Protein backbone atom coordinates (compact mmCIF):
# COMPACT_ATOMS: atom_id res chain seq x y z
CA MET A 1 14.63 65.50 32.65
CA GLY A 2 16.72 67.48 30.25
CA GLU A 3 15.47 68.61 26.93
CA GLY A 4 16.37 66.17 24.19
CA ARG A 5 17.06 63.36 26.65
CA PHE A 6 14.65 61.03 24.85
CA GLU A 7 16.26 61.77 21.51
CA GLN A 8 19.75 61.18 22.94
CA ALA A 9 18.72 57.88 24.51
CA LEU A 10 16.98 56.76 21.34
CA LYS A 11 20.04 57.62 19.24
CA ALA A 12 22.30 55.71 21.66
CA LEU A 13 19.92 52.74 21.49
CA GLN A 14 20.04 52.81 17.70
CA ASP A 15 23.84 53.02 17.78
CA MET A 16 24.06 50.02 20.10
CA SER A 17 21.75 48.07 17.81
CA GLU A 18 23.94 48.83 14.79
CA LYS A 19 27.09 47.81 16.65
CA ILE A 20 25.51 44.49 17.64
CA LYS A 21 24.53 43.84 14.02
CA SER A 22 28.07 44.55 12.81
CA GLN A 23 29.87 41.43 11.67
CA ASP A 24 33.17 42.54 13.21
CA THR A 25 31.74 42.96 16.73
CA THR A 26 33.15 40.55 19.28
CA LEU A 27 30.87 38.66 21.64
CA GLU A 28 32.14 40.75 24.55
CA ASP A 29 31.41 43.99 22.68
CA ALA A 30 27.98 42.72 21.67
CA VAL A 31 27.14 41.92 25.31
CA ALA A 32 28.37 45.35 26.44
CA CYS A 33 26.29 46.99 23.70
CA TYR A 34 23.26 44.96 24.74
CA GLU A 35 23.66 46.07 28.36
CA GLU A 36 24.03 49.71 27.36
CA GLY A 37 21.12 49.37 24.97
CA MET A 38 18.92 48.08 27.77
CA LYS A 39 19.85 51.12 29.90
CA GLN A 40 18.89 53.42 27.05
CA TYR A 41 15.68 51.46 26.45
CA ARG A 42 14.67 51.94 30.09
CA ILE A 43 15.31 55.68 29.83
CA CYS A 44 13.14 55.91 26.69
CA SER A 45 10.43 53.77 28.25
CA GLU A 46 10.34 55.89 31.41
CA ILE A 47 10.12 59.13 29.46
CA LEU A 48 7.31 57.76 27.29
CA GLU A 49 5.40 56.47 30.31
CA ASN A 50 5.66 59.87 32.00
CA ALA A 51 4.41 61.57 28.85
CA LYS A 52 1.50 59.12 28.65
CA GLN A 53 0.52 59.85 32.24
CA LYS A 54 0.62 63.60 31.62
CA ILE A 55 -1.60 63.21 28.56
CA GLU A 56 -4.08 61.04 30.44
CA THR A 57 -4.18 63.57 33.29
CA PHE A 58 -4.73 66.40 30.82
CA GLU A 59 -7.48 64.50 29.02
CA GLY A 60 -9.20 63.88 32.35
CA GLU A 61 -9.25 67.61 33.05
CA VAL A 62 -10.82 68.55 29.73
């Protein structure tokens, strides 16, 4: 995983959320933003889960 990938995915997720909240967003655009937001959410979730596992492994070694 590249450095800053979590931050990029989180920023994209935030951007998608703002677009969905916008009053001038069409239904089609809102659905597309939702789908992209879910992709970014899964990336963030995976990165966080991997970090959690590393921490738990490290704590088990100490």
